[in-house]
């Protein structure tokens, strides 16, 4: 009787382990920037709005580039200051060892 109950218990644990190891697949749909339509009037309207949005996008990219250039200039100045501080600290260490 003990052997039978031990076998049933082991079988239940094995079945539980098998179910735990094979999860159901999750399907995620891809995100697209523009919805696909079958009418011919929609693409023409989208093309006309794209003509207006391209110069706006270029202006936005130029603004982003200018902001990035400002950040890079600030970082370069900070790096130069840090380099100068490092050199000064090295000189202080040298003079401290001599004195």
PDB file of N, CA and C in Angstrom:
ATOM      1  N   UNK A   1       0.827  -1.186   0.000  1.00  0.00           N
ATOM      2  CA  UNK A   1       0.000   0.000   0.000  1.00  0.00           C
ATOM      3  C   UNK A   1       0.876   1.257   0.000  1.00  0.00           C
ATOM      4  N   UNK A   2       1.959   1.227   0.792  1.00  0.00           N
ATOM      5  CA  UNK A   2       2.860   2.381   0.833  1.00  0.00           C
ATOM      6  C   UNK A   2       3.529   2.587  -0.527  1.00  0.00           C
ATOM      7  N   UNK A   3       3.911   1.552  -1.145  1.00  0.00           N
ATOM      8  CA  UNK A   3       4.571   1.655  -2.442  1.00  0.00           C
ATOM      9  C   UNK A   3       3.614   2.242  -3.472  1.00  0.00           C
ATOM     10  N   UNK A   4       2.342   1.831  -3.412  1.00  0.00           N
ATOM     11  CA  UNK A   4       1.346   2.351  -4.347  1.00  0.00           C
ATOM     12  C   UNK A   4       1.123   3.840  -4.118  1.00  0.00           C
ATOM     13  N   UNK A   5       0.989   4.279  -2.873  1.00  0.00           N
ATOM     14  CA  UNK A   5       0.753   5.699  -2.590  1.00  0.00           C
ATOM     15  C   UNK A   5       2.005   6.518  -2.941  1.00  0.00           C
ATOM     16  N   UNK A   6       3.185   5.966  -2.690  1.00  0.00           N
ATOM     17  CA  UNK A   6       4.422   6.644  -3.059  1.00  0.00           C
ATOM     18  C   UNK A   6       4.503   6.812  -4.575  1.00  0.00           C
ATOM     19  N   UNK A   7       4.127   5.789  -5.315  1.00  0.00           N
ATOM     20  CA  UNK A   7       4.135   5.838  -6.780  1.00  0.00           C
ATOM     21  C   UNK A   7       3.149   6.888  -7.274  1.00  0.00           C
ATOM     22  N   UNK A   8       1.938   6.932  -6.710  1.00  0.00           N
ATOM     23  CA  UNK A   8       0.920   7.909  -7.129  1.00  0.00           C
ATOM     24  C   UNK A   8       1.409   9.324  -6.812  1.00  0.00           C
ATOM     25  N   UNK A   9       1.993   9.504  -5.640  1.00  0.00           N
ATOM     26  CA  UNK A   9       2.510  10.813  -5.247  1.00  0.00           C
ATOM     27  C   UNK A   9       3.624  11.265  -6.193  1.00  0.00           C
ATOM     28  N   UNK A  10       4.522  10.361  -6.525  1.00  0.00           N
ATOM     29  CA  UNK A  10       5.609  10.666  -7.448  1.00  0.00           C
ATOM     30  C   UNK A  10       5.074  10.982  -8.837  1.00  0.00           C
ATOM     31  N   UNK A  11       4.069  10.249  -9.262  1.00  0.00           N
ATOM     32  CA  UNK A  11       3.447  10.485 -10.566  1.00  0.00           C
ATOM     33  C   UNK A  11       2.799  11.867 -10.612  1.00  0.00           C
ATOM     34  N   UNK A  12       2.120  12.264  -9.545  1.00  0.00           N
ATOM     35  CA  UNK A  12       1.494  13.589  -9.495  1.00  0.00           C
ATOM     36  C   UNK A  12       2.549  14.694  -9.525  1.00  0.00           C
ATOM     37  N   UNK A  13       3.649  14.503  -8.821  1.00  0.00           N
ATOM     38  CA  UNK A  13       4.723  15.495  -8.862  1.00  0.00           C
ATOM     39  C   UNK A  13       5.326  15.602 -10.263  1.00  0.00           C
ATOM     40  N   UNK A  14       5.485  14.468 -10.939  1.00  0.00           N
ATOM     41  CA  UNK A  14       6.041  14.480 -12.289  1.00  0.00           C
ATOM     42  C   UNK A  14       5.112  15.201 -13.260  1.00  0.00           C
ATOM     43  N   UNK A  15       3.805  14.955 -13.136  1.00  0.00           N
ATOM     44  CA  UNK A  15       2.840  15.622 -14.017  1.00  0.00           C
ATOM     45  C   UNK A  15       2.850  17.119 -13.758  1.00  0.00           C
ATOM     46  N   UNK A  16       2.930  17.508 -12.497  1.00  0.00           N
ATOM     47  CA  UNK A  16       3.000  18.933 -12.171  1.00  0.00           C
ATOM     48  C   UNK A  16       4.246  19.584 -12.725  1.00  0.00           C
ATOM     49  N   UNK A  17       5.360  18.890 -12.668  1.00  0.00           N
ATOM     50  CA  UNK A  17       6.612  19.422 -13.199  1.00  0.00           C
ATOM     51  C   UNK A  17       6.561  19.553 -14.717  1.00  0.00           C
ATOM     52  N   UNK A  18       5.944  18.606 -15.378  1.00  0.00           N
ATOM     53  CA  UNK A  18       5.842  18.662 -16.841  1.00  0.00           C
ATOM     54  C   UNK A  18       4.988  19.849 -17.259  1.00  0.00           C
ATOM     55  N   UNK A  19       3.886  20.082 -16.571  1.00  0.00           N
ATOM     56  CA  UNK A  19       3.033  21.223 -16.908  1.00  0.00           C
ATOM     57  C   UNK A  19       3.748  22.529 -16.622  1.00  0.00           C
ATOM     58  N   UNK A  20       4.542  22.583 -15.595  1.00  0.00           N
ATOM     59  CA  UNK A  20       5.251  23.810 -15.248  1.00  0.00           C
ATOM     60  C   UNK A  20       6.333  24.137 -16.258  1.00  0.00           C
ATOM     61  N   UNK A  21       6.858  23.152 -16.961  1.00  0.00           N
ATOM     62  CA  UNK A  21       7.945  23.392 -17.890  1.00  0.00           C
ATOM     63  C   UNK A  21       7.488  23.724 -19.303  1.00  0.00           C
ATOM     64  N   UNK A  22       6.243  23.576 -19.600  1.00  0.00           N
ATOM     65  CA  UNK A  22       5.781  23.876 -20.949  1.00  0.00           C
ATOM     66  C   UNK A  22       4.698  24.948 -20.903  1.00  0.00           C
ATOM     67  N   UNK A  23       5.096  26.226 -20.830  1.00  0.00           N
ATOM     68  CA  UNK A  23       4.112  27.300 -20.783  1.00  0.00           C
ATOM     69  C   UNK A  23       3.457  27.488 -22.149  1.00  0.00           C
ATOM     70  N   UNK A  24       2.293  28.067 -22.137  1.00  0.00           N
ATOM     71  CA  UNK A  24       1.610  28.349 -23.393  1.00  0.00           C
ATOM     72  C   UNK A  24       2.283  29.542 -24.056  1.00  0.00           C
ATOM     73  N   UNK A  25       2.424  29.538 -25.353  1.00  0.00           N
ATOM     74  CA  UNK A  25       3.081  30.647 -26.033  1.00  0.00           C
ATOM     75  C   UNK A  25       2.229  31.912 -25.993  1.00  0.00           C
ATOM     76  N   UNK A  26       2.878  33.050 -25.880  1.00  0.00           N
ATOM     77  CA  UNK A  26       2.202  34.340 -25.880  1.00  0.00           C
ATOM     78  C   UNK A  26       2.479  35.007 -27.208  1.00  0.00           C
ATOM     79  N   UNK A  27       1.431  35.406 -27.900  1.00  0.00           N
ATOM     80  CA  UNK A  27       1.570  36.031 -29.208  1.00  0.00           C
ATOM     81  C   UNK A  27       1.401  37.531 -29.034  1.00  0.00           C
ATOM     82  N   UNK A  28       2.410  38.289 -29.465  1.00  0.00           N
ATOM     83  CA  UNK A  28       2.373  39.735 -29.381  1.00  0.00           C
ATOM     84  C   UNK A  28       2.350  40.277 -30.797  1.00  0.00           C
ATOM     85  N   UNK A  29       1.369  41.119 -31.081  1.00  0.00           N
ATOM     86  CA  UNK A  29       1.258  41.676 -32.419  1.00  0.00           C
ATOM     87  C   UNK A  29       2.251  42.817 -32.579  1.00  0.00           C
ATOM     88  N   UNK A  30       2.784  42.951 -33.775  1.00  0.00           N
ATOM     89  CA  UNK A  30       3.746  44.006 -34.069  1.00  0.00           C
ATOM     90  C   UNK A  30       3.043  45.350 -34.138  1.00  0.00           C
ATOM     91  N   UNK A  31       3.755  46.389 -33.713  1.00  0.00           N
ATOM     92  CA  UNK A  31       3.218  47.735 -33.750  1.00  0.00           C
ATOM     93  C   UNK A  31       3.701  48.378 -35.037  1.00  0.00           C
ATOM     94  N   UNK A  32       2.773  48.926 -35.797  1.00  0.00           N
ATOM     95  CA  UNK A  32       3.161  49.602 -37.026  1.00  0.00           C
ATOM     96  C   UNK A  32       2.872  51.087 -36.878  1.00  0.00           C
ATOM     97  N   UNK A  33       3.716  51.906 -37.496  1.00  0.00           N
ATOM     98  CA  UNK A  33       3.581  53.356 -37.388  1.00  0.00           C
ATOM     99  C   UNK A  33       2.328  53.876 -38.068  1.00  0.00           C
ATOM    100  N   UNK A  34       2.014  53.345 -39.236  1.00  0.00           N
ATOM    101  CA  UNK A  34       0.828  53.791 -39.943  1.00  0.00           C
ATOM    102  C   UNK A  34      -0.046  52.585 -40.243  1.00  0.00           C
ATOM    103  N   UNK A  35      -1.346  52.717 -40.042  1.00  0.00           N
ATOM    104  CA  UNK A  35      -2.211  51.584 -40.336  1.00  0.00           C
ATOM    105  C   UNK A  35      -2.311  51.349 -41.841  1.00  0.00           C
ATOM    106  N   UNK A  36      -2.427  50.116 -42.221  1.00  0.00           N
ATOM    107  CA  UNK A  36      -2.532  49.750 -43.628  1.00  0.00           C
ATOM    108  C   UNK A  36      -4.008  49.782 -44.013  1.00  0.00           C
ATOM    109  N   UNK A  37      -4.323  50.526 -45.074  1.00  0.00           N
ATOM    110  CA  UNK A  37      -5.702  50.619 -45.542  1.00  0.00           C
ATOM    111  C   UNK A  37      -5.765  50.179 -46.987  1.00  0.00           C
ATOM    112  N   UNK A  38      -6.947  49.803 -47.414  1.00  0.00           N
ATOM    113  CA  UNK A  38      -7.099  49.308 -48.775  1.00  0.00           C
ATOM    114  C   UNK A  38      -7.675  50.355 -49.713  1.00  0.00           C
ATOM    115  N   UNK A  39      -8.092  51.515 -49.202  1.00  0.00           N
ATOM    116  CA  UNK A  39      -8.659  52.536 -50.081  1.00  0.00           C
ATOM    117  C   UNK A  39      -7.538  53.363 -50.691  1.00  0.00           C
ATOM    118  N   UNK A  40      -7.794  53.889 -51.884  1.00  0.00           N
ATOM    119  CA  UNK A  40      -6.759  54.648 -52.582  1.00  0.00           C
ATOM    120  C   UNK A  40      -6.751  56.116 -52.164  1.00  0.00           C
ATOM    121  N   UNK A  41      -7.809  56.642 -51.543  1.00  0.00           N
ATOM    122  CA  UNK A  41      -7.835  58.044 -51.158  1.00  0.00           C
ATOM    123  C   UNK A  41      -6.983  58.299 -49.910  1.00  0.00           C
ATOM    124  N   UNK A  42      -6.843  57.332 -49.042  1.00  0.00           N
ATOM    125  CA  UNK A  42      -6.070  57.497 -47.814  1.00  0.00           C
ATOM    126  C   UNK A  42      -4.582  57.688 -48.091  1.00  0.00           C
ATOM    127  N   UNK A  43      -3.953  56.890 -48.959  1.00  0.00           N
ATOM    128  CA  UNK A  43      -2.528  57.107 -49.210  1.00  0.00           C
ATOM    129  C   UNK A  43      -2.245  58.468 -49.830  1.00  0.00           C
ATOM    130  N   UNK A  44      -3.139  58.978 -50.665  1.00  0.00           N
ATOM    131  CA  UNK A  44      -2.934  60.290 -51.262  1.00  0.00           C
ATOM    132  C   UNK A  44      -2.990  61.363 -50.185  1.00  0.00           C
ATOM    133  N   UNK A  45      -3.903  61.231 -49.235  1.00  0.00           N
ATOM    134  CA  UNK A  45      -3.991  62.188 -48.147  1.00  0.00           C
ATOM    135  C   UNK A  45      -2.770  62.078 -47.245  1.00  0.00           C
ATOM    136  N   UNK A  46      -2.296  60.882 -47.026  1.00  0.00           N
ATOM    137  CA  UNK A  46      -1.110  60.681 -46.197  1.00  0.00           C
ATOM    138  C   UNK A  46       0.115  61.278 -46.877  1.00  0.00           C
ATOM    139  N   UNK A  47       0.185  61.164 -48.203  1.00  0.00           N
ATOM    140  CA  UNK A  47       1.321  61.714 -48.936  1.00  0.00           C
ATOM    141  C   UNK A  47       1.327  63.235 -48.842  1.00  0.00           C
ATOM    142  N   UNK A  48       0.149  63.878 -48.888  1.00  0.00           N
ATOM    143  CA  UNK A  48       0.107  65.331 -48.808  1.00  0.00           C
ATOM    144  C   UNK A  48       0.477  65.808 -47.406  1.00  0.00           C
ATOM    145  N   UNK A  49       0.093  65.068 -46.365  1.00  0.00           N
ATOM    146  CA  UNK A  49       0.494  65.465 -45.009  1.00  0.00           C
ATOM    147  C   UNK A  49       1.973  65.191 -44.790  1.00  0.00           C
ATOM    148  N   UNK A  50       2.515  64.163 -45.447  1.00  0.00           N
ATOM    149  CA  UNK A  50       3.939  63.891 -45.328  1.00  0.00           C
ATOM    150  C   UNK A  50       4.769  65.010 -45.964  1.00  0.00           C
ATOM    151  N   UNK A  51       4.256  65.620 -47.041  1.00  0.00           N
ATOM    152  CA  UNK A  51       4.964  66.717 -47.676  1.00  0.00           C
ATOM    153  C   UNK A  51       5.101  67.898 -46.724  1.00  0.00           C
ATOM    154  N   UNK A  52       4.083  68.132 -45.901  1.00  0.00           N
ATOM    155  CA  UNK A  52       4.142  69.229 -44.945  1.00  0.00           C
ATOM    156  C   UNK A  52       4.944  68.848 -43.710  1.00  0.00           C
ATOM    157  N   UNK A  53       4.935  67.592 -43.366  1.00  0.00           N
ATOM    158  CA  UNK A  53       5.607  67.194 -42.141  1.00  0.00           C
ATOM    159  C   UNK A  53       7.112  66.994 -42.318  1.00  0.00           C
ATOM    160  N   UNK A  54       7.570  66.811 -43.535  1.00  0.00           N
ATOM    161  CA  UNK A  54       9.003  66.619 -43.762  1.00  0.00           C
ATOM    162  C   UNK A  54       9.803  67.866 -43.395  1.00  0.00           C
ATOM    163  N   UNK A  55       9.410  69.056 -43.855  1.00  0.00           N
ATOM    164  CA  UNK A  55      10.159  70.254 -43.414  1.00  0.00           C
ATOM    165  C   UNK A  55      10.064  70.463 -41.900  1.00  0.00           C
ATOM    166  N   UNK A  56       8.904  70.161 -41.319  1.00  0.00           N
ATOM    167  CA  UNK A  56       8.767  70.284 -39.869  1.00  0.00           C
ATOM    168  C   UNK A  56       9.691  69.303 -39.154  1.00  0.00           C
ATOM    169  N   UNK A  57       9.797  68.105 -39.687  1.00  0.00           N
ATOM    170  CA  UNK A  57      10.674  67.107 -39.086  1.00  0.00           C
ATOM    171  C   UNK A  57      12.133  67.531 -39.211  1.00  0.00           C
ATOM    172  N   UNK A  58      12.483  68.134 -40.343  1.00  0.00           N
ATOM    173  CA  UNK A  58      13.853  68.608 -40.540  1.00  0.00           C
ATOM    174  C   UNK A  58      14.169  69.715 -39.544  1.00  0.00           C
ATOM    175  N   UNK A  59      13.222  70.646 -39.350  1.00  0.00           N
ATOM    176  CA  UNK A  59      13.430  71.722 -38.377  1.00  0.00           C
ATOM    177  C   UNK A  59      13.590  71.156 -36.971  1.00  0.00           C
ATOM    178  N   UNK A  60      12.783  70.171 -36.641  1.00  0.00           N
ATOM    179  CA  UNK A  60      12.873  69.550 -35.325  1.00  0.00           C
ATOM    180  C   UNK A  60      14.214  68.860 -35.141  1.00  0.00           C
ATOM    181  N   UNK A  61      14.671  68.159 -36.172  1.00  0.00           N
ATOM    182  CA  UNK A  61      15.974  67.498 -36.098  1.00  0.00           C
ATOM    183  C   UNK A  61      17.112  68.502 -35.964  1.00  0.00           C
ATOM    184  N   UNK A  62      16.993  69.659 -36.639  1.00  0.00           N
ATOM    185  CA  UNK A  62      18.016  70.688 -36.512  1.00  0.00           C
ATOM    186  C   UNK A  62      18.045  71.253 -35.099  1.00  0.00           C
ATOM    187  N   UNK A  63      16.863  71.415 -34.486  1.00  0.00           N
ATOM    188  CA  UNK A  63      16.801  71.897 -33.108  1.00  0.00           C
ATOM    189  C   UNK A  63      17.421  70.882 -32.155  1.00  0.00           C
ATOM    190  N   UNK A  64      17.134  69.621 -32.387  1.00  0.00           N
ATOM    191  CA  UNK A  64      17.704  68.567 -31.543  1.00  0.00           C
ATOM    192  C   UNK A  64      19.217  68.533 -31.705  1.00  0.00           C
ATOM    193  N   UNK A  65      19.681  68.699 -32.943  1.00  0.00           N
ATOM    194  CA  UNK A  65      21.128  68.697 -33.193  1.00  0.00           C
ATOM    195  C   UNK A  65      21.789  69.869 -32.500  1.00  0.00           C
ATOM    196  N   UNK A  66      21.162  71.042 -32.547  1.00  0.00           N
ATOM    197  CA  UNK A  66      21.730  72.218 -31.876  1.00  0.00           C
ATOM    198  C   UNK A  66      21.784  71.991 -30.366  1.00  0.00           C
ATOM    199  N   UNK A  67      20.737  71.410 -29.810  1.00  0.00           N
ATOM    200  CA  UNK A  67      20.728  71.123 -28.370  1.00  0.00           C
ATOM    201  C   UNK A  67      21.813  70.108 -28.021  1.00  0.00           C
ATOM    202  N   UNK A  68      21.982  69.100 -28.861  1.00  0.00           N
ATOM    203  CA  UNK A  68      23.035  68.099 -28.629  1.00  0.00           C
ATOM    204  C   UNK A  68      24.425  68.730 -28.720  1.00  0.00           C
ATOM    205  N   UNK A  69      24.608  69.656 -29.665  1.00  0.00           N
ATOM    206  CA  UNK A  69      25.900  70.333 -29.793  1.00  0.00           C
ATOM    207  C   UNK A  69      26.203  71.162 -28.545  1.00  0.00           C
ATOM    208  N   UNK A  70      25.169  71.811 -27.988  1.00  0.00           N
ATOM    209  CA  UNK A  70      25.359  72.587 -26.757  1.00  0.00           C
ATOM    210  C   UNK A  70      25.757  71.672 -25.602  1.00  0.00           C
ATOM    211  N   UNK A  71      25.103  70.535 -25.495  1.00  0.00           N
ATOM    212  CA  UNK A  71      25.421  69.588 -24.432  1.00  0.00           C
ATOM    213  C   UNK A  71      26.844  69.067 -24.602  1.00  0.00           C
ATOM    214  N   UNK A  72      27.225  68.771 -25.832  1.00  0.00           N
ATOM    215  CA  UNK A  72      28.586  68.286 -26.085  1.00  0.00           C
ATOM    216  C   UNK A  72      29.624  69.351 -25.747  1.00  0.00           C
ATOM    217  N   UNK A  73      29.327  70.615 -26.047  1.00  0.00           N
ATOM    218  CA  UNK A  73      30.257  71.691 -25.720  1.00  0.00           C
ATOM    219  C   UNK A  73      30.408  71.823 -24.207  1.00  0.00           C
ATOM    220  N   UNK A  74      29.296  71.713 -23.474  1.00  0.00           N
ATOM    221  CA  UNK A  74      29.357  71.778 -22.008  1.00  0.00           C
ATOM    222  C   UNK A  74      30.151  70.607 -21.452  1.00  0.00           C
ATOM    223  N   UNK A  75      29.952  69.433 -22.017  1.00  0.00           N
ATOM    224  CA  UNK A  75      30.679  68.256 -21.552  1.00  0.00           C
ATOM    225  C   UNK A  75      32.171  68.379 -21.852  1.00  0.00           C
ATOM    226  N   UNK A  76      32.502  68.941 -23.004  1.00  0.00           N
ATOM    227  CA  UNK A  76      33.910  69.127 -23.358  1.00  0.00           C
ATOM    228  C   UNK A  76      34.571  70.108 -22.398  1.00  0.00           C
ATOM    229  N   UNK A  77      33.869  71.206 -22.067  1.00  0.00           N
ATOM    230  CA  UNK A  77      34.417  72.180 -21.126  1.00  0.00           C
ATOM    231  C   UNK A  77      34.587  71.552 -19.748  1.00  0.00           C
ATOM    232  N   UNK A  78      33.625  70.769 -19.312  1.00  0.00           N
ATOM    233  CA  UNK A  78      33.729  70.098 -18.014  1.00  0.00           C
ATOM    234  C   UNK A  78      34.884  69.113 -18.010  1.00  0.00           C
ATOM    235  N   UNK A  79      35.071  68.396 -19.097  1.00  0.00           N
ATOM    236  CA  UNK A  79      36.174  67.446 -19.199  1.00  0.00           C
ATOM    237  C   UNK A  79      37.524  68.164 -19.147  1.00  0.00           C
ATOM    238  N   UNK A  80      37.623  69.308 -19.811  1.00  0.00           N
ATOM    239  CA  UNK A  80      38.861  70.079 -19.764  1.00  0.00           C
ATOM    240  C   UNK A  80      39.140  70.570 -18.343  1.00  0.00           C
ATOM    241  N   UNK A  81      38.085  71.040 -17.634  1.00  0.00           N
ATOM    242  CA  UNK A  81      38.265  71.471 -16.249  1.00  0.00           C
ATOM    243  C   UNK A  81      38.708  70.309 -15.368  1.00  0.00           C
ATOM    244  N   UNK A  82      38.110  69.153 -15.595  1.00  0.00           N
ATOM    245  CA  UNK A  82      38.507  67.979 -14.809  1.00  0.00           C
ATOM    246  C   UNK A  82      39.944  67.572 -15.092  1.00  0.00           C
ATOM    247  N   UNK A  83      40.359  67.690 -16.333  1.00  0.00           N
ATOM    248  CA  UNK A  83      41.739  67.376 -16.687  1.00  0.00           C
ATOM    249  C   UNK A  83      42.695  68.345 -15.998  1.00  0.00           C
ATOM    250  N   UNK A  84      42.339  69.632 -15.985  1.00  0.00           N
ATOM    251  CA  UNK A  84      43.168  70.618 -15.309  1.00  0.00           C
ATOM    252  C   UNK A  84      43.240  70.331 -13.811  1.00  0.00           C
ATOM    253  N   UNK A  85      42.116  69.968 -13.212  1.00  0.00           N
ATOM    254  CA  UNK A  85      42.100  69.631 -11.791  1.00  0.00           C
ATOM    255  C   UNK A  85      42.949  68.401 -11.510  1.00  0.00           C
ATOM    256  N   UNK A  86      42.896  67.432 -12.396  1.00  0.00           N
ATOM    257  CA  UNK A  86      43.693  66.221 -12.238  1.00  0.00           C
ATOM    258  C   UNK A  86      45.181  66.547 -12.302  1.00  0.00           C
ATOM    259  N   UNK A  87      45.555  67.414 -13.256  1.00  0.00           N
ATOM    260  CA  UNK A  87      46.960  67.816 -13.368  1.00  0.00           C
ATOM    261  C   UNK A  87      47.408  68.564 -12.109  1.00  0.00           C
ATOM    262  N   UNK A  88      46.550  69.449 -11.621  1.00  0.00           N
ATOM    263  CA  UNK A  88      46.885  70.194 -10.407  1.00  0.00           C
ATOM    264  C   UNK A  88      47.018  69.247  -9.212  1.00  0.00           C
ATOM    265  N   UNK A  89      46.139  68.268  -9.117  1.00  0.00           N
ATOM    266  CA  UNK A  89      46.223  67.291  -8.024  1.00  0.00           C
ATOM    267  C   UNK A  89      47.497  66.473  -8.130  1.00  0.00           C
ATOM    268  N   UNK A  90      47.895  66.113  -9.336  1.00  0.00           N
ATOM    269  CA  UNK A  90      49.139  65.368  -9.527  1.00  0.00           C
ATOM    270  C   UNK A  90      50.349  66.206  -9.090  1.00  0.00           C
ATOM    271  N   UNK A  91      50.332  67.497  -9.432  1.00  0.00           N
ATOM    272  CA  UNK A  91      51.429  68.372  -9.025  1.00  0.00           C
ATOM    273  C   UNK A  91      51.483  68.503  -7.510  1.00  0.00           C
ATOM    274  N   UNK A  92      50.331  68.622  -6.869  1.00  0.00           N
ATOM    275  CA  UNK A  92      50.296  68.703  -5.413  1.00  0.00           C
ATOM    276  C   UNK A  92      50.858  67.438  -4.774  1.00  0.00           C
ATOM    277  N   UNK A  93      50.537  66.293  -5.346  1.00  0.00           N
ATOM    278  CA  UNK A  93      51.075  65.040  -4.819  1.00  0.00           C
ATOM    279  C   UNK A  93      52.606  65.012  -4.936  1.00  0.00           C
ATOM    280  N   UNK A  94      53.126  65.495  -6.077  1.00  0.00           N
ATOM    281  CA  UNK A  94      54.566  65.508  -6.292  1.00  0.00           C
ATOM    282  C   UNK A  94      55.239  66.432  -5.277  1.00  0.00           C
ATOM    283  N   UNK A  95      54.668  67.647  -5.112  1.00  0.00           N
ATOM    284  CA  UNK A  95      55.260  68.605  -4.177  1.00  0.00           C
ATOM    285  C   UNK A  95      55.117  68.115  -2.723  1.00  0.00           C
ATOM    286  N   UNK A  96      54.050  67.401  -2.417  1.00  0.00           N
ATOM    287  CA  UNK A  96      53.859  66.886  -1.054  1.00  0.00           C
ATOM    288  C   UNK A  96      54.898  65.818  -0.739  1.00  0.00           C
ATOM    289  N   UNK A  97      55.277  65.029  -1.731  1.00  0.00           N
ATOM    290  CA  UNK A  97      56.285  63.980  -1.512  1.00  0.00           C
ATOM    291  C   UNK A  97      57.669  64.599  -1.324  1.00  0.00           C
ATOM    292  N   UNK A  98      57.955  65.711  -1.992  1.00  0.00           N
ATOM    293  CA  UNK A  98      59.254  66.366  -1.912  1.00  0.00           C
ATOM    294  C   UNK A  98      59.435  67.059  -0.550  1.00  0.00           C
ATOM    295  N   UNK A  99      58.351  67.636  -0.062  1.00  0.00           N
ATOM    296  CA  UNK A  99      58.458  68.456   1.153  1.00  0.00           C
ATOM    297  C   UNK A  99      58.320  67.691   2.362  1.00  0.00           C
TER     298      UNK A  99
END
